[in-house]
């Protein structure tokens, strides 16, 4: 049975319009562009980047998580752009191997919002989680006011399980989080 520990080279995923690929050193500028937008970081636990050092730090953090096989974050690129410029990222923030459950996260340049790209990317990583990581459940949490992110999850087939009051703490505040999940059997029933 294949697990995150036996992927070998970083897995590359393709959808109709996107390529999800490894984030490389050449992408540090794109990471800065993405995370220096306060609208992109508004609803997550990442501070808005102030300089390139922030982007370099994130790059090294993501590389180390994959090297240690504890996280998996893809760069999202457009096929029409020959997979060069990142327009966002997505992936597994955590993986609870003891119960075959993974938690996803994602972000996208504001200029690409409401075009269906994130729904396409999330569907691809969920499929990867069920087929390659052998997950039984994929989870995501969303800050209460972030309706755009909730819609992405609902389009992919996630079920909202409820609101966890003051579950998150970042940027000096507690945040209520809407909790979503999809089970392998639900995902397989849709394809």
Protein backbone atom coordinates (compact mmCIF):
# COMPACT_ATOMS: atom_id res chain seq x y z
CA UNK A 1 0.00 0.00 0.00
CA UNK A 2 1.51 3.33 -1.10
CA UNK A 3 1.79 6.07 1.50
CA UNK A 4 3.10 9.61 1.65
CA UNK A 5 6.48 8.11 2.55
CA UNK A 6 6.84 6.28 -0.77
CA UNK A 7 5.89 8.93 -3.33
CA UNK A 8 9.48 9.36 -4.46
CA UNK A 9 9.55 12.48 -6.62
CA UNK A 10 7.06 15.17 -5.71
CA UNK A 11 3.69 14.14 -7.21
CA UNK A 12 2.44 16.24 -10.14
CA UNK A 13 -1.31 16.51 -10.73
CA UNK A 14 -3.18 17.74 -13.79
CA UNK A 15 -6.77 18.87 -14.26
CA UNK A 16 -8.51 20.27 -17.32
CA UNK A 17 -7.01 23.74 -16.81
CA UNK A 18 -4.38 23.37 -14.10
CA UNK A 19 -1.08 21.77 -13.24
CA UNK A 20 -0.36 21.22 -9.55
CA UNK A 21 3.37 20.86 -9.10
CA UNK A 22 6.19 21.14 -6.62
CA UNK A 23 6.94 24.63 -5.35
CA UNK A 24 10.56 25.44 -6.23
CA UNK A 25 13.02 28.19 -5.38
CA UNK A 26 12.00 29.96 -8.62
CA UNK A 27 8.53 30.41 -7.08
CA UNK A 28 9.62 32.55 -4.12
CA UNK A 29 8.61 35.74 -5.96
CA UNK A 30 5.18 34.29 -6.74
CA UNK A 31 4.78 33.24 -3.09
CA UNK A 32 5.56 36.79 -2.09
CA UNK A 33 2.98 38.17 -4.55
CA UNK A 34 0.37 35.75 -3.26
CA UNK A 35 0.87 36.22 0.46
CA UNK A 36 1.59 39.97 0.40
CA UNK A 37 -2.07 40.55 -0.54
CA UNK A 38 -4.03 41.18 2.68
CA UNK A 39 -7.20 39.83 1.04
CA UNK A 40 -5.49 36.47 0.43
CA UNK A 41 -4.27 36.22 4.04
CA UNK A 42 -7.41 37.75 5.59
CA UNK A 43 -9.02 34.46 6.64
CA UNK A 44 -6.04 32.29 7.48
CA UNK A 45 -3.30 32.02 10.05
CA UNK A 46 -0.59 33.45 7.81
CA UNK A 47 0.45 37.05 8.37
CA UNK A 48 0.53 39.23 5.28
CA UNK A 49 4.08 39.11 3.94
CA UNK A 50 6.06 42.31 4.41
CA UNK A 51 9.21 41.33 2.53
CA UNK A 52 10.93 38.60 0.51
CA UNK A 53 12.36 37.01 3.64
CA UNK A 54 8.80 36.01 4.58
CA UNK A 55 8.41 34.23 1.23
CA UNK A 56 11.80 32.53 1.54
CA UNK A 57 10.89 31.35 5.04
CA UNK A 58 7.61 29.87 3.78
CA UNK A 59 9.41 28.15 0.91
CA UNK A 60 11.89 26.48 3.29
CA UNK A 61 9.06 25.53 5.67
CA UNK A 62 7.11 23.80 2.87
CA UNK A 63 10.22 22.03 1.60
CA UNK A 64 11.08 20.77 5.07
CA UNK A 65 7.53 19.52 5.70
CA UNK A 66 7.66 17.48 2.50
CA UNK A 67 11.19 16.24 3.21
CA UNK A 68 9.98 14.99 6.60
CA UNK A 69 6.81 13.61 4.96
CA UNK A 70 4.49 15.53 7.27
CA UNK A 71 2.96 17.94 4.75
CA UNK A 72 2.30 18.21 1.06
CA UNK A 73 1.70 21.56 -0.65
CA UNK A 74 1.33 21.99 -4.40
CA UNK A 75 1.85 25.13 -6.43
CA UNK A 76 -1.17 25.82 -8.64
CA UNK A 77 -0.37 26.90 -12.21
CA UNK A 78 -2.39 27.38 -15.38
CA UNK A 79 -1.78 24.91 -18.21
CA UNK A 80 -2.05 27.83 -20.62
CA UNK A 81 0.98 29.35 -18.87
CA UNK A 82 3.09 26.20 -19.34
CA UNK A 83 3.09 25.64 -15.55
CA UNK A 84 5.48 28.51 -14.92
CA UNK A 85 3.77 31.09 -12.72
CA UNK A 86 2.04 30.13 -9.49
CA UNK A 87 -1.47 31.48 -9.07
CA UNK A 88 -1.95 29.78 -5.70
CA UNK A 89 -1.15 26.82 -3.49
CA UNK A 90 -3.09 23.92 -2.02
CA UNK A 91 -2.38 20.76 -0.13
CA UNK A 92 -2.44 18.70 3.03
CA UNK A 93 -1.56 20.64 6.16
CA UNK A 94 -1.86 17.58 8.39
CA UNK A 95 -2.22 13.87 7.97
CA UNK A 96 -3.42 11.72 10.86
CA UNK A 97 -2.17 8.31 9.72
CA UNK A 98 -3.68 6.50 12.69
CA UNK A 99 -7.21 7.26 11.43
CA UNK A 100 -6.53 7.92 7.71
CA UNK A 101 -7.61 11.54 7.88
CA UNK A 102 -6.07 14.59 6.23
CA UNK A 103 -6.72 18.31 6.55
CA UNK A 104 -6.42 20.56 3.51
CA UNK A 105 -5.75 24.24 2.98
CA UNK A 106 -5.54 26.48 -0.07
CA UNK A 107 -5.06 30.05 -1.29
CA UNK A 108 -5.33 31.81 -4.64
CA UNK A 109 -4.33 35.12 -6.18
CA UNK A 110 -7.26 37.52 -6.02
CA UNK A 111 -7.16 38.04 -9.81
CA UNK A 112 -8.12 34.36 -10.23
CA UNK A 113 -11.02 34.23 -7.76
CA UNK A 114 -14.48 33.13 -8.93
CA UNK A 115 -13.21 31.33 -12.03
CA UNK A 116 -13.53 27.78 -10.67
CA UNK A 117 -9.78 27.20 -10.40
CA UNK A 118 -9.77 26.45 -6.69
CA UNK A 119 -12.69 24.03 -6.96
CA UNK A 120 -10.76 22.21 -9.69
CA UNK A 121 -7.57 22.13 -7.60
CA UNK A 122 -9.31 20.98 -4.41
CA UNK A 123 -11.09 18.21 -6.29
CA UNK A 124 -7.68 17.01 -7.58
CA UNK A 125 -5.99 16.96 -4.17
CA UNK A 126 -8.97 15.25 -2.55
CA UNK A 127 -8.85 12.56 -5.25
CA UNK A 128 -5.12 12.20 -4.61
CA UNK A 129 -5.78 11.86 -0.86
CA UNK A 130 -8.28 9.07 -1.37
CA UNK A 131 -6.41 7.18 -4.09
CA UNK A 132 -2.73 7.71 -3.26
CA UNK A 133 -2.69 8.49 0.47
CA UNK A 134 -5.49 6.00 1.20
CA UNK A 135 -7.39 8.50 3.31
CA UNK A 136 -10.88 7.75 4.51
CA UNK A 137 -11.72 11.35 5.43
CA UNK A 138 -10.56 14.79 4.28
CA UNK A 139 -11.28 17.83 6.45
CA UNK A 140 -11.07 21.59 6.14
CA UNK A 141 -11.90 24.45 8.45
CA UNK A 142 -13.04 27.87 7.29
CA UNK A 143 -13.35 31.12 9.22
CA UNK A 144 -17.04 31.96 9.62
CA UNK A 145 -17.05 35.03 7.33
CA UNK A 146 -15.15 33.25 4.50
CA UNK A 147 -18.12 32.21 2.36
CA UNK A 148 -16.03 31.88 -0.81
CA UNK A 149 -13.94 29.10 0.70
CA UNK A 150 -17.02 27.36 2.06
CA UNK A 151 -18.56 27.38 -1.44
CA UNK A 152 -15.46 25.72 -2.89
CA UNK A 153 -15.73 22.87 -0.40
CA UNK A 154 -19.47 22.46 -0.96
CA UNK A 155 -18.94 22.26 -4.76
CA UNK A 156 -16.44 19.45 -4.23
CA UNK A 157 -18.95 17.56 -2.07
CA UNK A 158 -17.86 18.40 1.47
CA UNK A 159 -20.47 18.40 4.23
CA UNK A 160 -20.54 21.17 6.80
CA UNK A 161 -20.42 19.52 10.23
CA UNK A 162 -20.84 22.63 12.36
CA UNK A 163 -19.08 25.62 13.82
CA UNK A 164 -16.29 25.26 16.33
CA UNK A 165 -16.47 28.33 18.54
CA UNK A 166 -13.17 30.17 19.03
CA UNK A 167 -11.31 27.13 17.68
CA UNK A 168 -8.64 29.16 15.92
CA UNK A 169 -6.27 31.70 17.40
CA UNK A 170 -4.09 33.83 15.18
CA UNK A 171 -3.29 37.46 14.55
CA UNK A 172 -4.08 38.14 18.21
CA UNK A 173 -7.73 37.00 18.03
CA UNK A 174 -9.88 33.92 18.51
CA UNK A 175 -11.86 32.81 15.46
CA UNK A 176 -14.95 30.69 15.02
CA UNK A 177 -14.34 28.01 12.38
CA UNK A 178 -16.84 26.21 10.18
CA UNK A 179 -15.79 22.56 9.94
CA UNK A 180 -16.21 20.56 6.71
CA UNK A 181 -15.42 17.00 5.69
CA UNK A 182 -15.83 14.52 2.89
CA UNK A 183 -15.57 10.74 3.21
CA UNK A 184 -14.03 8.43 0.64
CA UNK A 185 -17.40 6.73 -0.01
CA UNK A 186 -19.05 10.11 -0.67
CA UNK A 187 -16.33 11.17 -3.08
CA UNK A 188 -16.42 7.85 -4.93
CA UNK A 189 -20.22 8.07 -5.23
CA UNK A 190 -19.86 11.39 -7.08
CA UNK A 191 -17.33 10.24 -9.69
